[in-house]
N, C-alpha and C. Protein backbone atom coordinates (compact mmCIF):
# COMPACT_ATOMS: atom_id res chain seq x y z
N MET A 1 115.41 100.22 120.27
CA MET A 1 114.72 99.42 119.25
C MET A 1 113.27 99.24 119.67
N ASN A 2 112.37 99.44 118.73
CA ASN A 2 110.94 99.34 118.99
C ASN A 2 110.52 97.86 119.08
N PRO A 3 109.99 97.44 120.23
CA PRO A 3 109.58 96.03 120.38
C PRO A 3 108.31 95.69 119.60
N PHE A 4 107.66 96.70 119.04
CA PHE A 4 106.42 96.46 118.32
C PHE A 4 106.60 96.34 116.81
N VAL A 5 107.81 96.12 116.36
CA VAL A 5 108.05 95.87 114.94
C VAL A 5 108.01 94.35 114.74
N PRO A 6 107.03 93.87 113.98
CA PRO A 6 106.89 92.42 113.79
C PRO A 6 108.12 91.80 113.12
N LYS A 7 108.44 90.60 113.54
CA LYS A 7 109.56 89.85 112.97
C LYS A 7 109.11 88.85 111.91
N LYS A 8 107.82 88.43 112.01
CA LYS A 8 107.28 87.44 111.08
C LYS A 8 105.88 87.85 110.65
N ILE A 9 105.47 87.31 109.51
CA ILE A 9 104.12 87.55 109.00
C ILE A 9 103.65 86.30 108.27
N PHE A 10 102.36 86.04 108.36
CA PHE A 10 101.78 84.98 107.53
C PHE A 10 100.44 85.45 106.99
N PHE A 11 99.99 84.77 105.95
CA PHE A 11 98.77 85.14 105.25
C PHE A 11 97.77 84.00 105.38
N THR A 12 96.51 84.36 105.62
CA THR A 12 95.47 83.36 105.79
C THR A 12 94.16 83.88 105.22
N LYS A 13 93.21 82.98 105.06
CA LYS A 13 91.91 83.36 104.49
C LYS A 13 90.85 82.38 104.96
N GLY A 14 89.59 82.80 104.86
CA GLY A 14 88.51 81.92 105.27
C GLY A 14 87.15 82.40 104.80
N VAL A 15 86.18 81.50 104.92
CA VAL A 15 84.80 81.79 104.53
C VAL A 15 83.86 81.23 105.59
N GLY A 16 82.75 81.94 105.82
CA GLY A 16 81.76 81.48 106.78
C GLY A 16 80.34 81.74 106.30
N PHE A 17 79.42 80.87 106.69
CA PHE A 17 78.01 80.98 106.32
C PHE A 17 77.16 80.88 107.58
N HIS A 18 76.20 81.80 107.76
CA HIS A 18 75.29 81.74 108.91
C HIS A 18 74.14 82.70 108.68
N LYS A 19 73.04 82.49 109.39
CA LYS A 19 71.88 83.39 109.22
C LYS A 19 72.16 84.78 109.78
N GLU A 20 73.09 84.90 110.71
CA GLU A 20 73.48 86.20 111.28
C GLU A 20 74.81 86.64 110.69
N GLU A 21 74.91 87.91 110.31
CA GLU A 21 76.14 88.41 109.69
C GLU A 21 77.35 88.29 110.60
N LEU A 22 77.21 88.69 111.86
CA LEU A 22 78.35 88.61 112.79
C LEU A 22 78.83 87.18 112.96
N HIS A 23 77.89 86.25 113.04
CA HIS A 23 78.28 84.85 113.20
C HIS A 23 78.96 84.32 111.94
N SER A 24 78.50 84.76 110.77
CA SER A 24 79.16 84.32 109.53
C SER A 24 80.60 84.86 109.49
N PHE A 25 80.80 86.09 109.99
CA PHE A 25 82.16 86.65 110.06
C PHE A 25 83.01 85.84 111.03
N GLU A 26 82.46 85.49 112.18
CA GLU A 26 83.18 84.66 113.16
C GLU A 26 83.57 83.32 112.54
N LEU A 27 82.67 82.74 111.76
CA LEU A 27 82.98 81.46 111.11
C LEU A 27 84.05 81.62 110.03
N ALA A 28 84.08 82.77 109.36
CA ALA A 28 85.14 83.04 108.38
C ALA A 28 86.49 83.16 109.11
N LEU A 29 86.49 83.84 110.26
CA LEU A 29 87.73 83.93 111.06
C LEU A 29 88.16 82.54 111.52
N ARG A 30 87.21 81.73 111.91
CA ARG A 30 87.52 80.35 112.34
C ARG A 30 88.10 79.55 111.18
N SER A 31 87.52 79.71 110.00
CA SER A 31 88.03 79.04 108.81
C SER A 31 89.47 79.47 108.52
N ALA A 32 89.78 80.73 108.80
CA ALA A 32 91.13 81.26 108.60
C ALA A 32 92.07 80.89 109.75
N GLY A 33 91.51 80.40 110.87
CA GLY A 33 92.33 79.98 112.01
C GLY A 33 92.69 81.09 112.98
N ILE A 34 92.05 82.26 112.86
CA ILE A 34 92.45 83.39 113.71
C ILE A 34 91.32 83.86 114.64
N GLU A 35 90.29 83.06 114.80
CA GLU A 35 89.14 83.44 115.62
C GLU A 35 89.47 83.53 117.10
N LYS A 36 90.51 82.89 117.54
CA LYS A 36 90.83 82.83 118.97
C LYS A 36 91.63 84.03 119.46
N CYS A 37 91.91 84.96 118.55
CA CYS A 37 92.74 86.12 118.88
C CYS A 37 91.90 87.39 118.99
N ASN A 38 92.41 88.36 119.72
CA ASN A 38 91.84 89.70 119.75
C ASN A 38 92.53 90.48 118.65
N LEU A 39 91.83 90.61 117.54
CA LEU A 39 92.43 91.17 116.33
C LEU A 39 92.39 92.69 116.34
N VAL A 40 93.53 93.28 116.00
CA VAL A 40 93.66 94.72 115.89
C VAL A 40 94.07 95.02 114.45
N ASN A 41 93.24 95.77 113.75
CA ASN A 41 93.56 96.13 112.36
C ASN A 41 94.55 97.27 112.34
N VAL A 42 95.57 97.11 111.52
CA VAL A 42 96.59 98.14 111.35
C VAL A 42 96.70 98.48 109.88
N SER A 43 97.43 99.56 109.58
CA SER A 43 97.57 99.98 108.20
C SER A 43 98.56 99.07 107.47
N SER A 44 99.02 99.50 106.34
CA SER A 44 99.52 98.59 105.32
C SER A 44 101.03 98.56 105.11
N ILE A 45 101.82 98.60 106.14
CA ILE A 45 103.27 98.59 105.97
C ILE A 45 103.82 97.20 106.27
N PHE A 46 104.59 96.67 105.31
CA PHE A 46 105.33 95.41 105.51
C PHE A 46 106.64 95.81 106.18
N PRO A 47 106.86 95.41 107.43
CA PRO A 47 108.03 95.87 108.19
C PRO A 47 109.37 95.46 107.57
N PRO A 48 110.37 96.33 107.66
CA PRO A 48 111.70 95.97 107.17
C PRO A 48 112.19 94.70 107.87
N GLY A 49 112.77 93.79 107.11
CA GLY A 49 113.35 92.58 107.68
C GLY A 49 112.35 91.53 108.13
N CYS A 50 111.07 91.75 107.94
CA CYS A 50 110.05 90.80 108.36
C CYS A 50 110.12 89.55 107.48
N LYS A 51 109.95 88.39 108.10
CA LYS A 51 110.04 87.12 107.39
C LYS A 51 108.65 86.55 107.13
N VAL A 52 108.38 86.17 105.88
CA VAL A 52 107.11 85.54 105.53
C VAL A 52 107.22 84.05 105.88
N ILE A 53 106.26 83.58 106.68
CA ILE A 53 106.22 82.16 107.04
C ILE A 53 104.90 81.57 106.56
N SER A 54 104.79 80.26 106.57
CA SER A 54 103.57 79.60 106.13
C SER A 54 102.44 79.85 107.13
N SER A 55 101.21 79.77 106.65
CA SER A 55 100.08 79.93 107.56
C SER A 55 100.06 78.79 108.59
N LYS A 56 100.44 77.62 108.17
CA LYS A 56 100.47 76.48 109.11
C LYS A 56 101.42 76.77 110.28
N GLN A 57 102.61 77.28 109.97
CA GLN A 57 103.57 77.62 111.01
C GLN A 57 103.08 78.80 111.84
N GLY A 58 102.55 79.84 111.17
CA GLY A 58 102.08 81.02 111.87
C GLY A 58 100.94 80.74 112.82
N LEU A 59 99.99 79.93 112.39
CA LEU A 59 98.85 79.61 113.25
C LEU A 59 99.28 78.90 114.52
N LYS A 60 100.35 78.12 114.46
CA LYS A 60 100.88 77.43 115.64
C LYS A 60 101.44 78.42 116.66
N GLU A 61 101.90 79.58 116.19
CA GLU A 61 102.52 80.56 117.07
C GLU A 61 101.53 81.51 117.74
N LEU A 62 100.27 81.48 117.31
CA LEU A 62 99.27 82.36 117.91
C LEU A 62 98.92 81.91 119.31
N GLN A 63 98.65 82.88 120.18
CA GLN A 63 98.24 82.56 121.54
C GLN A 63 96.77 82.91 121.71
N THR A 64 96.00 82.00 122.25
CA THR A 64 94.59 82.22 122.48
C THR A 64 94.40 83.46 123.35
N GLY A 65 93.55 84.36 122.87
CA GLY A 65 93.25 85.59 123.61
C GLY A 65 94.27 86.70 123.42
N GLY A 66 95.34 86.43 122.70
CA GLY A 66 96.39 87.42 122.53
C GLY A 66 95.97 88.56 121.61
N ILE A 67 96.53 89.73 121.88
CA ILE A 67 96.34 90.87 120.98
C ILE A 67 97.15 90.56 119.73
N THR A 68 96.49 90.54 118.59
CA THR A 68 97.12 90.11 117.34
C THR A 68 96.87 91.18 116.28
N PHE A 69 97.95 91.71 115.72
CA PHE A 69 97.86 92.76 114.73
C PHE A 69 97.72 92.15 113.34
N THR A 70 96.76 92.69 112.57
CA THR A 70 96.51 92.18 111.22
C THR A 70 96.22 93.33 110.25
N VAL A 71 96.49 93.07 108.99
CA VAL A 71 95.91 93.86 107.91
C VAL A 71 94.85 92.92 107.35
N MET A 72 93.58 93.34 107.43
CA MET A 72 92.49 92.43 107.08
C MET A 72 91.56 93.04 106.04
N SER A 73 91.10 92.19 105.16
CA SER A 73 90.05 92.53 104.21
C SER A 73 88.88 91.61 104.50
N ARG A 74 87.66 92.16 104.45
CA ARG A 74 86.48 91.34 104.69
C ARG A 74 85.34 91.82 103.82
N CYS A 75 84.45 90.89 103.51
CA CYS A 75 83.29 91.22 102.69
C CYS A 75 82.17 90.26 103.08
N SER A 76 80.95 90.76 103.14
CA SER A 76 79.78 89.94 103.49
C SER A 76 78.62 90.29 102.59
N SER A 77 77.73 89.31 102.40
CA SER A 77 76.50 89.55 101.65
C SER A 77 75.43 88.55 102.07
N ASP A 78 74.18 89.02 102.03
CA ASP A 78 73.05 88.12 102.22
C ASP A 78 72.22 88.02 100.94
N GLU A 79 72.80 88.48 99.84
CA GLU A 79 72.14 88.43 98.54
C GLU A 79 72.54 87.12 97.86
N ALA A 80 71.61 86.20 97.76
CA ALA A 80 71.89 84.88 97.19
C ALA A 80 72.55 84.99 95.82
N ARG A 81 73.55 84.17 95.60
CA ARG A 81 74.29 84.06 94.35
C ARG A 81 75.20 85.26 94.06
N ARG A 82 75.38 86.12 95.02
CA ARG A 82 76.28 87.27 94.82
C ARG A 82 77.72 86.82 95.04
N LEU A 83 78.59 87.13 94.10
CA LEU A 83 80.00 86.77 94.20
C LEU A 83 80.71 87.83 95.04
N ILE A 84 81.40 87.39 96.09
CA ILE A 84 82.14 88.31 96.97
C ILE A 84 83.58 87.85 97.09
N ALA A 85 84.47 88.80 97.38
CA ALA A 85 85.89 88.47 97.53
C ALA A 85 86.55 89.40 98.52
N ALA A 86 87.51 88.87 99.25
CA ALA A 86 88.37 89.63 100.15
C ALA A 86 89.80 89.23 99.82
N SER A 87 90.67 90.23 99.66
CA SER A 87 92.03 89.94 99.19
C SER A 87 93.05 90.81 99.89
N ILE A 88 94.22 90.23 100.10
CA ILE A 88 95.39 90.93 100.63
C ILE A 88 96.50 90.79 99.59
N GLY A 89 97.10 91.91 99.22
CA GLY A 89 98.25 91.91 98.33
C GLY A 89 99.48 92.33 99.11
N CYS A 90 100.65 91.94 98.65
CA CYS A 90 101.88 92.29 99.35
C CYS A 90 103.00 92.51 98.33
N ALA A 91 103.80 93.53 98.58
CA ALA A 91 104.97 93.81 97.73
C ALA A 91 106.16 94.04 98.66
N ILE A 92 107.22 93.25 98.44
CA ILE A 92 108.40 93.28 99.29
C ILE A 92 109.58 93.82 98.49
N PRO A 93 110.29 94.82 99.04
CA PRO A 93 111.43 95.38 98.30
C PRO A 93 112.64 94.46 98.34
N THR A 94 113.49 94.60 97.34
CA THR A 94 114.74 93.83 97.29
C THR A 94 115.61 94.16 98.50
N ASP A 95 115.70 95.44 98.83
CA ASP A 95 116.46 95.89 100.01
C ASP A 95 115.59 95.66 101.23
N ARG A 96 115.89 94.62 102.00
CA ARG A 96 115.06 94.21 103.14
C ARG A 96 115.14 95.18 104.31
N SER A 97 116.00 96.20 104.23
CA SER A 97 116.04 97.21 105.29
C SER A 97 115.00 98.31 105.02
N VAL A 98 114.32 98.21 103.87
CA VAL A 98 113.29 99.17 103.47
C VAL A 98 111.92 98.51 103.66
N TYR A 99 110.93 99.30 104.01
CA TYR A 99 109.59 98.73 104.20
C TYR A 99 108.90 98.45 102.87
N GLY A 100 107.97 97.52 102.92
CA GLY A 100 107.15 97.19 101.76
C GLY A 100 105.71 97.59 102.03
N TYR A 101 104.82 97.08 101.19
CA TYR A 101 103.40 97.43 101.32
C TYR A 101 102.51 96.22 101.32
N ILE A 102 101.42 96.33 102.08
CA ILE A 102 100.35 95.35 102.09
C ILE A 102 99.09 96.11 101.71
N SER A 103 98.32 95.55 100.80
CA SER A 103 97.06 96.20 100.40
C SER A 103 95.90 95.30 100.77
N GLU A 104 94.77 95.91 101.06
CA GLU A 104 93.55 95.16 101.31
C GLU A 104 92.51 95.60 100.29
N HIS A 105 91.80 94.62 99.77
CA HIS A 105 90.80 94.89 98.73
C HIS A 105 89.63 93.96 98.95
N HIS A 106 88.42 94.49 98.87
CA HIS A 106 87.23 93.65 98.89
C HIS A 106 86.34 94.07 97.74
N ALA A 107 85.59 93.10 97.22
CA ALA A 107 84.83 93.39 96.01
C ALA A 107 83.60 92.51 95.89
N PHE A 108 82.63 93.05 95.17
CA PHE A 108 81.45 92.29 94.75
C PHE A 108 81.59 92.06 93.26
N GLY A 109 81.36 90.83 92.81
CA GLY A 109 81.36 90.54 91.38
C GLY A 109 82.73 90.24 90.79
N GLN A 110 83.79 90.24 91.59
CA GLN A 110 85.12 89.89 91.08
C GLN A 110 85.43 88.45 91.46
N THR A 111 86.04 87.73 90.54
CA THR A 111 86.47 86.37 90.84
C THR A 111 87.66 86.41 91.79
N GLN A 112 88.01 85.28 92.32
CA GLN A 112 89.17 85.18 93.21
C GLN A 112 90.43 85.66 92.47
N LYS A 113 90.58 85.25 91.23
CA LYS A 113 91.75 85.64 90.44
C LYS A 113 91.77 87.15 90.20
N GLN A 114 90.64 87.73 89.82
CA GLN A 114 90.58 89.17 89.57
C GLN A 114 90.90 89.98 90.83
N ALA A 115 90.29 89.62 91.93
CA ALA A 115 90.50 90.35 93.19
C ALA A 115 91.95 90.19 93.65
N GLY A 116 92.50 88.99 93.52
CA GLY A 116 93.88 88.74 93.94
C GLY A 116 94.87 89.54 93.12
N GLU A 117 94.68 89.54 91.81
CA GLU A 117 95.58 90.31 90.95
C GLU A 117 95.49 91.80 91.24
N TYR A 118 94.27 92.28 91.50
CA TYR A 118 94.09 93.70 91.80
C TYR A 118 94.82 94.09 93.09
N ALA A 119 94.65 93.27 94.14
CA ALA A 119 95.30 93.56 95.43
C ALA A 119 96.82 93.51 95.31
N GLU A 120 97.33 92.53 94.58
CA GLU A 120 98.77 92.40 94.38
C GLU A 120 99.31 93.61 93.61
N ASP A 121 98.59 94.00 92.58
CA ASP A 121 98.97 95.15 91.77
C ASP A 121 98.95 96.43 92.59
N LEU A 122 97.96 96.58 93.43
CA LEU A 122 97.84 97.76 94.29
C LEU A 122 99.03 97.87 95.23
N ALA A 123 99.42 96.77 95.88
CA ALA A 123 100.57 96.78 96.78
C ALA A 123 101.84 97.11 96.02
N ALA A 124 102.01 96.51 94.85
CA ALA A 124 103.21 96.78 94.04
C ALA A 124 103.26 98.23 93.59
N ALA A 125 102.11 98.79 93.22
CA ALA A 125 102.06 100.19 92.79
C ALA A 125 102.43 101.13 93.93
N MET A 126 101.94 100.85 95.13
CA MET A 126 102.28 101.70 96.29
C MET A 126 103.77 101.63 96.59
N LEU A 127 104.34 100.42 96.55
CA LEU A 127 105.77 100.28 96.80
C LEU A 127 106.58 100.96 95.70
N ALA A 128 106.18 100.75 94.46
CA ALA A 128 106.90 101.35 93.33
C ALA A 128 106.95 102.86 93.46
N SER A 129 105.83 103.49 93.83
CA SER A 129 105.82 104.95 93.95
C SER A 129 106.74 105.41 95.07
N THR A 130 106.83 104.65 96.15
CA THR A 130 107.74 104.98 97.25
C THR A 130 109.20 104.86 96.83
N LEU A 131 109.49 103.87 95.98
CA LEU A 131 110.86 103.61 95.54
C LEU A 131 111.27 104.44 94.33
N GLY A 132 110.35 105.25 93.83
CA GLY A 132 110.68 106.10 92.69
C GLY A 132 110.66 105.39 91.35
N ILE A 133 109.95 104.27 91.27
CA ILE A 133 109.82 103.55 90.01
C ILE A 133 108.66 104.17 89.25
N ASP A 134 108.93 104.63 88.06
CA ASP A 134 107.92 105.29 87.25
C ASP A 134 107.25 104.28 86.33
N PHE A 135 105.92 104.22 86.38
CA PHE A 135 105.19 103.34 85.48
C PHE A 135 103.78 103.86 85.29
N ASP A 136 103.13 103.36 84.27
CA ASP A 136 101.76 103.75 83.95
C ASP A 136 100.80 102.89 84.77
N ILE A 137 100.03 103.53 85.66
CA ILE A 137 99.11 102.81 86.53
C ILE A 137 98.08 102.02 85.71
N ASP A 138 97.78 102.48 84.50
CA ASP A 138 96.79 101.81 83.66
C ASP A 138 97.38 100.72 82.76
N ALA A 139 98.68 100.52 82.83
CA ALA A 139 99.32 99.48 82.02
C ALA A 139 98.88 98.11 82.52
N SER A 140 99.05 97.11 81.70
CA SER A 140 98.69 95.75 82.11
C SER A 140 99.65 95.28 83.20
N TRP A 141 99.22 94.27 83.94
CA TRP A 141 100.07 93.73 85.02
C TRP A 141 101.40 93.24 84.45
N ASP A 142 101.37 92.58 83.30
CA ASP A 142 102.60 92.06 82.71
C ASP A 142 103.59 93.19 82.40
N GLU A 143 103.09 94.31 81.91
CA GLU A 143 103.97 95.46 81.62
C GLU A 143 104.56 96.02 82.91
N LYS A 144 103.72 96.16 83.94
CA LYS A 144 104.20 96.69 85.22
C LYS A 144 105.19 95.72 85.87
N GLU A 145 104.87 94.43 85.81
CA GLU A 145 105.75 93.43 86.41
C GLU A 145 107.14 93.48 85.76
N GLU A 146 107.17 93.68 84.46
CA GLU A 146 108.43 93.78 83.75
C GLU A 146 109.23 95.00 84.22
N ILE A 147 108.55 96.12 84.42
CA ILE A 147 109.21 97.33 84.93
C ILE A 147 109.76 97.08 86.33
N PHE A 148 108.98 96.40 87.19
CA PHE A 148 109.44 96.10 88.54
C PHE A 148 110.69 95.23 88.50
N LYS A 149 110.68 94.22 87.64
CA LYS A 149 111.83 93.31 87.54
C LYS A 149 113.07 94.03 87.02
N ILE A 150 112.87 94.86 86.00
CA ILE A 150 113.99 95.60 85.42
C ILE A 150 114.60 96.56 86.44
N SER A 151 113.74 97.19 87.25
CA SER A 151 114.23 98.16 88.24
C SER A 151 115.11 97.48 89.29
N GLY A 152 114.83 96.20 89.57
CA GLY A 152 115.58 95.47 90.59
C GLY A 152 115.24 95.88 92.01
N LYS A 153 114.22 96.70 92.18
CA LYS A 153 113.88 97.21 93.51
C LYS A 153 112.75 96.46 94.21
N ILE A 154 111.97 95.69 93.45
CA ILE A 154 110.89 94.90 94.04
C ILE A 154 111.23 93.44 93.82
N VAL A 155 111.39 92.72 94.93
CA VAL A 155 111.83 91.33 94.82
C VAL A 155 110.65 90.35 94.72
N ARG A 156 109.53 90.70 95.36
CA ARG A 156 108.46 89.71 95.44
C ARG A 156 107.12 90.39 95.63
N THR A 157 106.12 89.91 94.90
CA THR A 157 104.74 90.30 95.15
C THR A 157 103.94 89.02 95.33
N MET A 158 102.87 89.12 96.09
CA MET A 158 102.02 87.95 96.35
C MET A 158 100.64 88.42 96.76
N GLU A 159 99.71 87.50 96.81
CA GLU A 159 98.36 87.80 97.27
C GLU A 159 97.76 86.57 97.90
N THR A 160 96.77 86.81 98.76
CA THR A 160 95.93 85.73 99.26
C THR A 160 94.50 86.24 99.20
N THR A 161 93.63 85.43 98.64
CA THR A 161 92.27 85.86 98.36
C THR A 161 91.28 84.76 98.70
N GLN A 162 90.16 85.16 99.28
CA GLN A 162 89.05 84.24 99.51
C GLN A 162 87.83 84.80 98.79
N SER A 163 87.22 83.99 97.95
CA SER A 163 85.98 84.40 97.31
C SER A 163 84.92 83.35 97.61
N ALA A 164 83.67 83.73 97.43
CA ALA A 164 82.56 82.80 97.64
C ALA A 164 81.33 83.34 96.93
N ILE A 165 80.42 82.46 96.65
CA ILE A 165 79.11 82.85 96.14
C ILE A 165 78.15 82.77 97.32
N ALA A 166 77.50 83.90 97.61
CA ALA A 166 76.61 83.96 98.77
C ALA A 166 75.48 82.95 98.65
N ARG A 167 75.21 82.31 99.77
CA ARG A 167 74.13 81.33 99.84
C ARG A 167 72.82 82.04 100.20
N SER A 168 71.72 81.40 99.87
CA SER A 168 70.42 81.96 100.25
C SER A 168 70.13 81.60 101.71
N GLY A 169 69.31 82.41 102.36
CA GLY A 169 68.89 82.11 103.72
C GLY A 169 69.83 82.59 104.80
N GLY A 170 70.75 83.46 104.48
CA GLY A 170 71.66 83.96 105.50
C GLY A 170 72.79 84.75 104.89
N TYR A 171 73.83 84.91 105.67
CA TYR A 171 74.99 85.70 105.24
C TYR A 171 76.16 84.80 104.88
N THR A 172 76.92 85.27 103.93
CA THR A 172 78.20 84.66 103.57
C THR A 172 79.25 85.73 103.82
N SER A 173 80.31 85.37 104.53
CA SER A 173 81.40 86.29 104.80
C SER A 173 82.72 85.68 104.36
N VAL A 174 83.60 86.52 103.80
CA VAL A 174 84.94 86.10 103.44
C VAL A 174 85.95 87.04 104.09
N VAL A 175 87.10 86.49 104.47
CA VAL A 175 88.18 87.28 105.04
C VAL A 175 89.50 86.85 104.42
N ALA A 176 90.41 87.80 104.35
CA ALA A 176 91.81 87.53 103.99
C ALA A 176 92.61 88.40 104.94
N ALA A 177 93.72 87.88 105.46
CA ALA A 177 94.48 88.63 106.45
C ALA A 177 95.97 88.37 106.37
N ALA A 178 96.72 89.42 106.62
CA ALA A 178 98.15 89.33 106.87
C ALA A 178 98.28 89.44 108.39
N VAL A 179 98.88 88.46 109.01
CA VAL A 179 98.94 88.39 110.48
C VAL A 179 100.38 88.57 110.93
N PHE A 180 100.60 89.54 111.80
CA PHE A 180 101.94 89.84 112.30
C PHE A 180 102.27 89.06 113.56
N LEU A 181 103.50 88.62 113.65
CA LEU A 181 103.99 87.92 114.84
C LEU A 181 105.25 88.62 115.35
N PHE A 182 105.39 88.66 116.67
CA PHE A 182 106.53 89.32 117.29
C PHE A 182 107.44 88.29 117.84
């Protein structure tokens, strides 16, 4: 059995403002509660049997300085009044012995709702294609959601999104992350 298959996952998000871009990113990580970890970005597979826990519970389980695997989305801007968003979408199959998908999406000019729906839709579309569910990628979310429900193969989709309007005089950074725990 592979010891590197996560048993738990939580979702978090944050925003940071600073005159330096790197510092604004650090403050966004701090806002999300994951600044104390050595973050390693991984691709987008939701592990079979993985349990979704609250961010409050997940943050308590992090160890300072620990290597922490995440699927992360981030976006930064120093253009005053620019709308930015970072979003993570997730689609979990009904059969928990099968893997699901996590998507990351970042955007300029999309609201939190728009970016979140897009990321959630993207994760669901990737899972649907893996499970052999046929649907029109250009259909509305409601039409696709109905197909997913009818198929009985996708049990849950979700998203976490952070958006912000960039402030003048520095950088604004947003992050959204799926954080794996072993």
